[in-house]
Amino acid sequence: MAVKIRLRRMGQTHAPFYRVIVADERSPRDGRFIDEIGIYDPTKDPMEFRVDEEAAKKWLANGAQPTETVARLFKQAGIQK
């Protein structure tokens, strides 16, 4: 089972926010997930990004692959190099 760290879209039509989740790569974008580790809200000024660093590092150490967007956010937060 390949595990991904990715974003789950929430919110209204023109006001999205996202939850950072760990899920099987075969599950749909807003479907079943394994763990929720943070939030990302690009609509706020400045953008809001909160994540449980210990959980994120644990999942990365166990082989979970972040998507491009999540990898960029982790790099900005200093979680991943």
C-alpha atoms as a PDB file:
ATOM      1  CA  MET A   1       0.000   0.000   0.000  1.00  0.00           C
ATOM      2  CA  ALA A   2       1.519   3.330  -1.103  1.00  0.00           C
ATOM      3  CA  VAL A   3       0.822   6.133   1.349  1.00  0.00           C
ATOM      4  CA  LYS A   4       0.695   9.816   0.377  1.00  0.00           C
ATOM      5  CA  ILE A   5       0.625  13.013   2.399  1.00  0.00           C
ATOM      6  CA  ARG A   6      -1.762  15.281   0.521  1.00  0.00           C
ATOM      7  CA  LEU A   7      -4.420  17.991   0.777  1.00  0.00           C
ATOM      8  CA  ARG A   8      -8.132  17.390   1.326  1.00  0.00           C
ATOM      9  CA  ARG A   9     -10.312  20.245   0.046  1.00  0.00           C
ATOM     10  CA  MET A  10     -12.906  21.641   2.431  1.00  0.00           C
ATOM     11  CA  GLY A  11     -14.985  24.813   2.600  1.00  0.00           C
ATOM     12  CA  GLN A  12     -17.397  26.592   0.302  1.00  0.00           C
ATOM     13  CA  THR A  13     -17.245  27.044  -3.462  1.00  0.00           C
ATOM     14  CA  HIS A  14     -15.131  30.214  -3.584  1.00  0.00           C
ATOM     15  CA  ALA A  15     -13.590  29.937  -0.106  1.00  0.00           C
ATOM     16  CA  PRO A  16     -11.560  26.735   0.030  1.00  0.00           C
ATOM     17  CA  PHE A  17      -9.320  25.593   2.836  1.00  0.00           C
ATOM     18  CA  TYR A  18      -7.453  22.338   3.073  1.00  0.00           C
ATOM     19  CA  ARG A  19      -6.603  19.684   5.622  1.00  0.00           C
ATOM     20  CA  VAL A  20      -3.243  17.930   5.397  1.00  0.00           C
ATOM     21  CA  ILE A  21      -3.959  14.214   5.533  1.00  0.00           C
ATOM     22  CA  VAL A  22      -2.190  10.891   5.192  1.00  0.00           C
ATOM     23  CA  ALA A  23      -4.059   8.544   2.853  1.00  0.00           C
ATOM     24  CA  ASP A  24      -3.697   5.547   0.604  1.00  0.00           C
ATOM     25  CA  GLU A  25      -2.883   6.874  -2.870  1.00  0.00           C
ATOM     26  CA  ARG A  26      -5.808   4.916  -4.362  1.00  0.00           C
ATOM     27  CA  SER A  27      -8.461   6.648  -2.239  1.00  0.00           C
ATOM     28  CA  PRO A  28     -10.317   9.673  -3.698  1.00  0.00           C
ATOM     29  CA  ARG A  29      -9.268  13.245  -2.879  1.00  0.00           C
ATOM     30  CA  ASP A  30     -11.981  13.795  -0.271  1.00  0.00           C
ATOM     31  CA  GLY A  31     -12.437  10.132   0.616  1.00  0.00           C
ATOM     32  CA  ARG A  32     -11.130   7.870   3.328  1.00  0.00           C
ATOM     33  CA  PHE A  33      -7.862   8.787   5.054  1.00  0.00           C
ATOM     34  CA  ILE A  34      -5.536   7.321   7.662  1.00  0.00           C
ATOM     35  CA  ASP A  35      -4.518  10.387   9.692  1.00  0.00           C
ATOM     36  CA  GLU A  36      -5.112  14.147   9.728  1.00  0.00           C
ATOM     37  CA  ILE A  37      -1.942  16.066  10.578  1.00  0.00           C
ATOM     38  CA  GLY A  38      -2.635  19.730   9.809  1.00  0.00           C
ATOM     39  CA  ILE A  39      -4.464  22.536   8.014  1.00  0.00           C
ATOM     40  CA  TYR A  40      -3.656  24.903   5.152  1.00  0.00           C
ATOM     41  CA  ASP A  41      -5.715  28.030   4.390  1.00  0.00           C
ATOM     42  CA  PRO A  42      -4.422  30.009   1.395  1.00  0.00           C
ATOM     43  CA  THR A  43      -7.325  32.505   1.492  1.00  0.00           C
ATOM     44  CA  LYS A  44      -6.149  34.219   4.678  1.00  0.00           C
ATOM     45  CA  ASP A  45      -3.585  37.013   4.519  1.00  0.00           C
ATOM     46  CA  PRO A  46      -0.947  35.847   5.365  1.00  0.00           C
ATOM     47  CA  MET A  47      -1.728  32.246   4.499  1.00  0.00           C
ATOM     48  CA  GLU A  48      -2.227  29.880   7.432  1.00  0.00           C
ATOM     49  CA  PHE A  49      -0.336  26.587   7.631  1.00  0.00           C
ATOM     50  CA  ARG A  50      -0.338  24.525  10.817  1.00  0.00           C
ATOM     51  CA  VAL A  51       0.911  20.968  11.002  1.00  0.00           C
ATOM     52  CA  ASP A  52       1.835  18.489  13.724  1.00  0.00           C
ATOM     53  CA  GLU A  53       5.578  18.303  13.000  1.00  0.00           C
ATOM     54  CA  GLU A  54       6.137  15.102  14.979  1.00  0.00           C
ATOM     55  CA  ALA A  55       3.372  13.271  13.111  1.00  0.00           C
ATOM     56  CA  ALA A  56       4.614  14.575   9.746  1.00  0.00           C
ATOM     57  CA  LYS A  57       8.187  13.469  10.453  1.00  0.00           C
ATOM     58  CA  LYS A  58       6.940  10.074  11.664  1.00  0.00           C
ATOM     59  CA  TRP A  59       4.969   9.498   8.459  1.00  0.00           C
ATOM     60  CA  LEU A  60       7.881  10.662   6.291  1.00  0.00           C
ATOM     61  CA  ALA A  61      10.227   8.301   8.157  1.00  0.00           C
ATOM     62  CA  ASN A  62       7.760   5.441   7.582  1.00  0.00           C
ATOM     63  CA  GLY A  63       7.830   6.010   3.815  1.00  0.00           C
ATOM     64  CA  ALA A  64       4.865   8.290   3.109  1.00  0.00           C
ATOM     65  CA  GLN A  65       5.434  10.426   0.008  1.00  0.00           C
ATOM     66  CA  PRO A  66       4.210  14.059   0.054  1.00  0.00           C
ATOM     67  CA  THR A  67       2.588  15.550  -3.029  1.00  0.00           C
ATOM     68  CA  GLU A  68       4.344  18.483  -4.733  1.00  0.00           C
ATOM     69  CA  THR A  69       2.231  21.084  -2.929  1.00  0.00           C
ATOM     70  CA  VAL A  70       2.649  19.481   0.483  1.00  0.00           C
ATOM     71  CA  ALA A  71       6.406  19.073  -0.095  1.00  0.00           C
ATOM     72  CA  ARG A  72       6.653  22.804  -0.874  1.00  0.00           C
ATOM     73  CA  LEU A  73       4.686  23.671   2.290  1.00  0.00           C
ATOM     74  CA  PHE A  74       6.854  21.333   4.390  1.00  0.00           C
ATOM     75  CA  LYS A  75       9.986  22.960   2.974  1.00  0.00           C
ATOM     76  CA  GLN A  76       8.694  26.435   3.894  1.00  0.00           C
ATOM     77  CA  ALA A  77       7.871  25.202   7.410  1.00  0.00           C
ATOM     78  CA  GLY A  78      11.286  23.555   7.799  1.00  0.00           C
ATOM     79  CA  ILE A  79       9.933  20.026   8.182  1.00  0.00           C
ATOM     80  CA  GLN A  80      11.489  18.579   5.037  1.00  0.00           C
ATOM     81  CA  LYS A  81      14.606  19.643   3.154  1.00  0.00           C
END
